[in-house]
Amino acid sequence: MVAHGNTLRGLIKYVERISDKDIADLNIPTAIPMAYEFEDDMKPIRRYYLGDQEAVEKGSRGSSSAVKGKTVDDFI
């Protein structure tokens, strides 16, 4: 799926049940594919970016400390 950052934030908020406060600070790197792993019941196991980790970190600069570095399990 390709979408605007705000659309992706909405999907992530729904899937991971992230609070309004925390999702507002989530920075999604541009043009870096993101992958999810789900359990059989569609509960998210983890979310991660594909590709060069340095590029991911560079694209995520400015992320809030409230969300940066957290995993799906931190929000569910």
PDB file of N, CA and C in Angstrom:
ATOM      1  N   MET A   1       0.841  -1.152   0.000  1.00  0.00           N
ATOM      2  CA  MET A   1       0.000   0.000   0.000  1.00  0.00           C
ATOM      3  C   MET A   1       0.900   1.232   0.000  1.00  0.00           C
ATOM      4  N   VAL A   2       0.518   2.199  -0.774  1.00  0.00           N
ATOM      5  CA  VAL A   2       1.205   3.483  -0.794  1.00  0.00           C
ATOM      6  C   VAL A   2       0.182   4.525  -0.391  1.00  0.00           C
ATOM      7  N   ALA A   3       0.551   5.384   0.564  1.00  0.00           N
ATOM      8  CA  ALA A   3      -0.405   6.373   1.046  1.00  0.00           C
ATOM      9  C   ALA A   3       0.324   7.548   1.674  1.00  0.00           C
ATOM     10  N   HIS A   4      -0.412   8.620   1.905  1.00  0.00           N
ATOM     11  CA  HIS A   4       0.093   9.800   2.598  1.00  0.00           C
ATOM     12  C   HIS A   4       0.354   9.444   4.058  1.00  0.00           C
ATOM     13  N   GLY A   5       1.311  10.129   4.666  1.00  0.00           N
ATOM     14  CA  GLY A   5       1.673   9.855   6.059  1.00  0.00           C
ATOM     15  C   GLY A   5       0.503   9.880   7.018  1.00  0.00           C
ATOM     16  N   ASN A   6      -0.428  10.835   6.843  1.00  0.00           N
ATOM     17  CA  ASN A   6      -1.571  10.915   7.756  1.00  0.00           C
ATOM     18  C   ASN A   6      -2.493   9.711   7.604  1.00  0.00           C
ATOM     19  N   THR A   7      -2.647   9.229   6.387  1.00  0.00           N
ATOM     20  CA  THR A   7      -3.459   8.032   6.155  1.00  0.00           C
ATOM     21  C   THR A   7      -2.804   6.823   6.811  1.00  0.00           C
ATOM     22  N   LEU A   8      -1.495   6.711   6.640  1.00  0.00           N
ATOM     23  CA  LEU A   8      -0.769   5.598   7.258  1.00  0.00           C
ATOM     24  C   LEU A   8      -0.836   5.673   8.775  1.00  0.00           C
ATOM     25  N   ARG A   9      -0.735   6.879   9.334  1.00  0.00           N
ATOM     26  CA  ARG A   9      -0.864   7.038  10.776  1.00  0.00           C
ATOM     27  C   ARG A   9      -2.219   6.540  11.260  1.00  0.00           C
ATOM     28  N   GLY A  10      -3.268   6.858  10.499  1.00  0.00           N
ATOM     29  CA  GLY A  10      -4.610   6.396  10.862  1.00  0.00           C
ATOM     30  C   GLY A  10      -4.701   4.886  10.881  1.00  0.00           C
ATOM     31  N   LEU A  11      -4.111   4.244   9.885  1.00  0.00           N
ATOM     32  CA  LEU A  11      -4.117   2.779   9.832  1.00  0.00           C
ATOM     33  C   LEU A  11      -3.306   2.188  10.980  1.00  0.00           C
ATOM     34  N   ILE A  12      -2.138   2.756  11.237  1.00  0.00           N
ATOM     35  CA  ILE A  12      -1.291   2.268  12.330  1.00  0.00           C
ATOM     36  C   ILE A  12      -2.003   2.453  13.672  1.00  0.00           C
ATOM     37  N   LYS A  13      -2.646   3.604  13.845  1.00  0.00           N
ATOM     38  CA  LYS A  13      -3.376   3.881  15.083  1.00  0.00           C
ATOM     39  C   LYS A  13      -4.446   2.822  15.325  1.00  0.00           C
ATOM     40  N   TYR A  14      -5.175   2.474  14.274  1.00  0.00           N
ATOM     41  CA  TYR A  14      -6.242   1.485  14.387  1.00  0.00           C
ATOM     42  C   TYR A  14      -5.670   0.091  14.672  1.00  0.00           C
ATOM     43  N   VAL A  15      -4.682  -0.324  13.880  1.00  0.00           N
ATOM     44  CA  VAL A  15      -4.138  -1.677  13.996  1.00  0.00           C
ATOM     45  C   VAL A  15      -3.447  -1.892  15.343  1.00  0.00           C
ATOM     46  N   GLU A  16      -2.677  -0.881  15.789  1.00  0.00           N
ATOM     47  CA  GLU A  16      -1.888  -1.043  17.008  1.00  0.00           C
ATOM     48  C   GLU A  16      -2.555  -0.455  18.249  1.00  0.00           C
ATOM     49  N   ARG A  17      -3.724   0.152  18.061  1.00  0.00           N
ATOM     50  CA  ARG A  17      -4.462   0.765  19.181  1.00  0.00           C
ATOM     51  C   ARG A  17      -3.608   1.793  19.922  1.00  0.00           C
ATOM     52  N   ILE A  18      -3.008   2.687  19.165  1.00  0.00           N
ATOM     53  CA  ILE A  18      -2.162   3.741  19.718  1.00  0.00           C
ATOM     54  C   ILE A  18      -3.049   4.922  20.116  1.00  0.00           C
ATOM     55  N   SER A  19      -2.734   5.566  21.218  1.00  0.00           N
ATOM     56  CA  SER A  19      -3.524   6.697  21.696  1.00  0.00           C
ATOM     57  C   SER A  19      -3.410   7.890  20.749  1.00  0.00           C
ATOM     58  N   ASP A  20      -4.384   8.794  20.836  1.00  0.00           N
ATOM     59  CA  ASP A  20      -4.362  10.019  20.031  1.00  0.00           C
ATOM     60  C   ASP A  20      -3.090  10.812  20.300  1.00  0.00           C
ATOM     61  N   LYS A  21      -2.700  10.879  21.558  1.00  0.00           N
ATOM     62  CA  LYS A  21      -1.510  11.643  21.929  1.00  0.00           C
ATOM     63  C   LYS A  21      -0.249  11.064  21.289  1.00  0.00           C
ATOM     64  N   ASP A  22      -0.085   9.747  21.371  1.00  0.00           N
ATOM     65  CA  ASP A  22       1.120   9.112  20.845  1.00  0.00           C
ATOM     66  C   ASP A  22       1.154   9.090  19.316  1.00  0.00           C
ATOM     67  N   ILE A  23       0.017   8.890  18.677  1.00  0.00           N
ATOM     68  CA  ILE A  23       0.012   8.795  17.211  1.00  0.00           C
ATOM     69  C   ILE A  23       0.336  10.141  16.576  1.00  0.00           C
ATOM     70  N   ALA A  24      -0.009  11.229  17.245  1.00  0.00           N
ATOM     71  CA  ALA A  24       0.281  12.564  16.702  1.00  0.00           C
ATOM     72  C   ALA A  24       1.773  12.801  16.556  1.00  0.00           C
ATOM     73  N   ASP A  25       2.564  12.112  17.362  1.00  0.00           N
ATOM     74  CA  ASP A  25       4.016  12.290  17.332  1.00  0.00           C
ATOM     75  C   ASP A  25       4.739  11.242  16.488  1.00  0.00           C
ATOM     76  N   LEU A  26       4.017  10.306  15.916  1.00  0.00           N
ATOM     77  CA  LEU A  26       4.644   9.252  15.120  1.00  0.00           C
ATOM     78  C   LEU A  26       5.102   9.808  13.779  1.00  0.00           C
ATOM     79  N   ASN A  27       6.372   9.665  13.483  1.00  0.00           N
ATOM     80  CA  ASN A  27       6.932  10.107  12.213  1.00  0.00           C
ATOM     81  C   ASN A  27       7.203   8.875  11.367  1.00  0.00           C
ATOM     82  N   ILE A  28       6.633   8.839  10.172  1.00  0.00           N
ATOM     83  CA  ILE A  28       6.801   7.708   9.266  1.00  0.00           C
ATOM     84  C   ILE A  28       7.760   8.125   8.155  1.00  0.00           C
ATOM     85  N   PRO A  29       8.901   7.448   8.021  1.00  0.00           N
ATOM     86  CA  PRO A  29       9.861   7.813   6.981  1.00  0.00           C
ATOM     87  C   PRO A  29       9.235   7.710   5.587  1.00  0.00           C
ATOM     88  N   THR A  30       9.592   8.639   4.724  1.00  0.00           N
ATOM     89  CA  THR A  30       9.090   8.654   3.352  1.00  0.00           C
ATOM     90  C   THR A  30       9.850   7.644   2.499  1.00  0.00           C
ATOM     91  N   ALA A  31       9.109   6.907   1.686  1.00  0.00           N
ATOM     92  CA  ALA A  31       9.661   5.998   0.666  1.00  0.00           C
ATOM     93  C   ALA A  31      10.472   4.846   1.247  1.00  0.00           C
ATOM     94  N   ILE A  32      10.186   4.454   2.477  1.00  0.00           N
ATOM     95  CA  ILE A  32      10.830   3.277   3.070  1.00  0.00           C
ATOM     96  C   ILE A  32       9.724   2.290   3.412  1.00  0.00           C
ATOM     97  N   PRO A  33       9.715   1.125   2.766  1.00  0.00           N
ATOM     98  CA  PRO A  33       8.645   0.148   3.004  1.00  0.00           C
ATOM     99  C   PRO A  33       8.582  -0.311   4.460  1.00  0.00           C
ATOM    100  N   MET A  34       7.362  -0.428   4.951  1.00  0.00           N
ATOM    101  CA  MET A  34       7.126  -0.897   6.306  1.00  0.00           C
ATOM    102  C   MET A  34       6.403  -2.242   6.219  1.00  0.00           C
ATOM    103  N   ALA A  35       6.775  -3.159   7.079  1.00  0.00           N
ATOM    104  CA  ALA A  35       6.159  -4.484   7.086  1.00  0.00           C
ATOM    105  C   ALA A  35       5.539  -4.768   8.439  1.00  0.00           C
ATOM    106  N   TYR A  36       4.459  -5.526   8.426  1.00  0.00           N
ATOM    107  CA  TYR A  36       3.816  -6.006   9.641  1.00  0.00           C
ATOM    108  C   TYR A  36       3.845  -7.519   9.624  1.00  0.00           C
ATOM    109  N   GLU A  37       3.919  -8.096  10.798  1.00  0.00           N
ATOM    110  CA  GLU A  37       3.693  -9.526  10.982  1.00  0.00           C
ATOM    111  C   GLU A  37       2.479  -9.653  11.884  1.00  0.00           C
ATOM    112  N   PHE A  38       1.550 -10.537  11.508  1.00  0.00           N
ATOM    113  CA  PHE A  38       0.306 -10.718  12.247  1.00  0.00           C
ATOM    114  C   PHE A  38       0.164 -12.159  12.707  1.00  0.00           C
ATOM    115  N   GLU A  39      -0.538 -12.337  13.832  1.00  0.00           N
ATOM    116  CA  GLU A  39      -0.924 -13.671  14.270  1.00  0.00           C
ATOM    117  C   GLU A  39      -2.087 -14.131  13.389  1.00  0.00           C
ATOM    118  N   ASP A  40      -2.505 -15.371  13.541  1.00  0.00           N
ATOM    119  CA  ASP A  40      -3.608 -15.899  12.738  1.00  0.00           C
ATOM    120  C   ASP A  40      -4.899 -15.109  12.929  1.00  0.00           C
ATOM    121  N   ASP A  41      -5.093 -14.526  14.121  1.00  0.00           N
ATOM    122  CA  ASP A  41      -6.301 -13.748  14.388  1.00  0.00           C
ATOM    123  C   ASP A  41      -6.135 -12.269  14.007  1.00  0.00           C
ATOM    124  N   MET A  42      -5.074 -11.954  13.270  1.00  0.00           N
ATOM    125  CA  MET A  42      -4.755 -10.615  12.763  1.00  0.00           C
ATOM    126  C   MET A  42      -4.293  -9.645  13.849  1.00  0.00           C
ATOM    127  N   LYS A  43      -3.924 -10.135  15.002  1.00  0.00           N
ATOM    128  CA  LYS A  43      -3.315  -9.283  16.023  1.00  0.00           C
ATOM    129  C   LYS A  43      -1.872  -9.025  15.583  1.00  0.00           C
ATOM    130  N   PRO A  44      -1.444  -7.746  15.574  1.00  0.00           N
ATOM    131  CA  PRO A  44      -0.080  -7.470  15.121  1.00  0.00           C
ATOM    132  C   PRO A  44       0.961  -8.016  16.087  1.00  0.00           C
ATOM    133  N   ILE A  45       1.981  -8.629  15.515  1.00  0.00           N
ATOM    134  CA  ILE A  45       3.099  -9.151  16.292  1.00  0.00           C
ATOM    135  C   ILE A  45       4.217  -8.117  16.326  1.00  0.00           C
ATOM    136  N   ARG A  46       4.556  -7.592  15.139  1.00  0.00           N
ATOM    137  CA  ARG A  46       5.579  -6.563  15.076  1.00  0.00           C
ATOM    138  C   ARG A  46       5.472  -5.759  13.793  1.00  0.00           C
ATOM    139  N   ARG A  47       6.027  -4.562  13.857  1.00  0.00           N
ATOM    140  CA  ARG A  47       6.094  -3.651  12.710  1.00  0.00           C
ATOM    141  C   ARG A  47       7.555  -3.262  12.547  1.00  0.00           C
ATOM    142  N   TYR A  48       8.033  -3.255  11.313  1.00  0.00           N
ATOM    143  CA  TYR A  48       9.428  -2.887  11.069  1.00  0.00           C
ATOM    144  C   TYR A  48       9.566  -2.342   9.660  1.00  0.00           C
ATOM    145  N   TYR A  49      10.651  -1.624   9.445  1.00  0.00           N
ATOM    146  CA  TYR A  49      10.930  -1.051   8.131  1.00  0.00           C
ATOM    147  C   TYR A  49      11.901  -1.944   7.388  1.00  0.00           C
ATOM    148  N   LEU A  50      11.704  -2.049   6.092  1.00  0.00           N
ATOM    149  CA  LEU A  50      12.573  -2.843   5.233  1.00  0.00           C
ATOM    150  C   LEU A  50      13.681  -1.949   4.687  1.00  0.00           C
ATOM    151  N   GLY A  51      14.838  -2.520   4.469  1.00  0.00           N
ATOM    152  CA  GLY A  51      15.924  -1.762   3.863  1.00  0.00           C
ATOM    153  C   GLY A  51      16.996  -1.381   4.856  1.00  0.00           C
ATOM    154  N   ASP A  52      17.802  -0.444   4.421  1.00  0.00           N
ATOM    155  CA  ASP A  52      18.955   0.024   5.169  1.00  0.00           C
ATOM    156  C   ASP A  52      18.535   0.714   6.463  1.00  0.00           C
ATOM    157  N   GLN A  53      18.981   0.206   7.598  1.00  0.00           N
ATOM    158  CA  GLN A  53      18.581   0.741   8.896  1.00  0.00           C
ATOM    159  C   GLN A  53      19.019   2.191   9.068  1.00  0.00           C
ATOM    160  N   GLU A  54      20.161   2.563   8.502  1.00  0.00           N
ATOM    161  CA  GLU A  54      20.633   3.952   8.603  1.00  0.00           C
ATOM    162  C   GLU A  54      19.656   4.900   7.898  1.00  0.00           C
ATOM    163  N   ALA A  55      19.162   4.479   6.732  1.00  0.00           N
ATOM    164  CA  ALA A  55      18.186   5.299   6.009  1.00  0.00           C
ATOM    165  C   ALA A  55      16.883   5.412   6.788  1.00  0.00           C
ATOM    166  N   VAL A  56      16.482   4.340   7.439  1.00  0.00           N
ATOM    167  CA  VAL A  56      15.263   4.359   8.260  1.00  0.00           C
ATOM    168  C   VAL A  56      15.424   5.356   9.405  1.00  0.00           C
ATOM    169  N   GLU A  57      16.548   5.289  10.099  1.00  0.00           N
ATOM    170  CA  GLU A  57      16.785   6.197  11.217  1.00  0.00           C
ATOM    171  C   GLU A  57      16.861   7.650  10.751  1.00  0.00           C
ATOM    172  N   LYS A  58      17.502   7.874   9.614  1.00  0.00           N
ATOM    173  CA  LYS A  58      17.588   9.229   9.068  1.00  0.00           C
ATOM    174  C   LYS A  58      16.197   9.745   8.713  1.00  0.00           C
ATOM    175  N   GLY A  59      15.365   8.893   8.143  1.00  0.00           N
ATOM    176  CA  GLY A  59      14.010   9.282   7.770  1.00  0.00           C
ATOM    177  C   GLY A  59      13.092   9.469   8.957  1.00  0.00           C
ATOM    178  N   SER A  60      13.456   8.904  10.107  1.00  0.00           N
ATOM    179  CA  SER A  60      12.623   8.996  11.301  1.00  0.00           C
ATOM    180  C   SER A  60      13.049  10.116  12.234  1.00  0.00           C
ATOM    181  N   ARG A  61      14.103  10.822  11.909  1.00  0.00           N
ATOM    182  CA  ARG A  61      14.549  11.907  12.800  1.00  0.00           C
ATOM    183  C   ARG A  61      13.420  12.880  13.029  1.00  0.00           C
ATOM    184  N   GLY A  62      13.331  13.328  14.241  1.00  0.00           N
ATOM    185  CA  GLY A  62      12.247  14.228  14.603  1.00  0.00           C
ATOM    186  C   GLY A  62      11.082  13.499  15.235  1.00  0.00           C
ATOM    187  N   SER A  63      11.156  12.171  15.285  1.00  0.00           N
ATOM    188  CA  SER A  63      10.090  11.413  15.936  1.00  0.00           C
ATOM    189  C   SER A  63      10.076  11.713  17.421  1.00  0.00           C
ATOM    190  N   SER A  64       8.919  11.657  17.980  1.00  0.00           N
ATOM    191  CA  SER A  64       8.781  11.893  19.409  1.00  0.00           C
ATOM    192  C   SER A  64       9.367  10.732  20.185  1.00  0.00           C
ATOM    193  N   SER A  65       9.950  11.040  21.322  1.00  0.00           N
ATOM    194  CA  SER A  65      10.475   9.989  22.191  1.00  0.00           C
ATOM    195  C   SER A  65       9.350   9.140  22.762  1.00  0.00           C
ATOM    196  N   ALA A  66       8.104   9.628  22.676  1.00  0.00           N
ATOM    197  CA  ALA A  66       6.969   8.864  23.183  1.00  0.00           C
ATOM    198  C   ALA A  66       6.701   7.633  22.325  1.00  0.00           C
ATOM    199  N   VAL A  67       7.113   7.658  21.055  1.00  0.00           N
ATOM    200  CA  VAL A  67       6.826   6.563  20.144  1.00  0.00           C
ATOM    201  C   VAL A  67       8.105   5.926  19.606  1.00  0.00           C
ATOM    202  N   LYS A  68       9.117   6.724  19.367  1.00  0.00           N
ATOM    203  CA  LYS A  68      10.347   6.241  18.740  1.00  0.00           C
ATOM    204  C   LYS A  68      10.951   5.091  19.531  1.00  0.00           C
ATOM    205  N   GLY A  69      11.271   4.022  18.831  1.00  0.00           N
ATOM    206  CA  GLY A  69      11.907   2.882  19.448  1.00  0.00           C
ATOM    207  C   GLY A  69      10.954   1.902  20.098  1.00  0.00           C
ATOM    208  N   LYS A  70       9.663   2.196  20.091  1.00  0.00           N
ATOM    209  CA  LYS A  70       8.698   1.289  20.692  1.00  0.00           C
ATOM    210  C   LYS A  70       8.232   0.260  19.670  1.00  0.00           C
ATOM    211  N   THR A  71       7.780  -0.863  20.157  1.00  0.00           N
ATOM    212  CA  THR A  71       7.268  -1.920  19.299  1.00  0.00           C
ATOM    213  C   THR A  71       5.756  -2.006  19.437  1.00  0.00           C
ATOM    214  N   VAL A  72       5.148  -2.821  18.630  1.00  0.00           N
ATOM    215  CA  VAL A  72       3.710  -3.035  18.689  1.00  0.00           C
ATOM    216  C   VAL A  72       3.284  -3.415  20.100  1.00  0.00           C
ATOM    217  N   ASP A  73       4.049  -4.262  20.764  1.00  0.00           N
ATOM    218  CA  ASP A  73       3.699  -4.736  22.111  1.00  0.00           C
ATOM    219  C   ASP A  73       3.620  -3.592  23.126  1.00  0.00           C
ATOM    220  N   ASP A  74       4.330  -2.497  22.881  1.00  0.00           N
ATOM    221  CA  ASP A  74       4.280  -1.367  23.810  1.00  0.00           C
ATOM    222  C   ASP A  74       2.921  -0.657  23.782  1.00  0.00           C
ATOM    223  N   PHE A  75       2.149  -0.870  22.735  1.00  0.00           N
ATOM    224  CA  PHE A  75       0.882  -0.156  22.582  1.00  0.00           C
ATOM    225  C   PHE A  75      -0.329  -1.045  22.746  1.00  0.00           C
ATOM    226  N   ILE A  76      -0.164  -2.342  22.731  1.00  0.00           N
ATOM    227  CA  ILE A  76      -1.320  -3.244  22.792  1.00  0.00           C
ATOM    228  C   ILE A  76      -1.541  -3.726  24.205  1.00  0.00           C
TER     229      ILE A  76
END
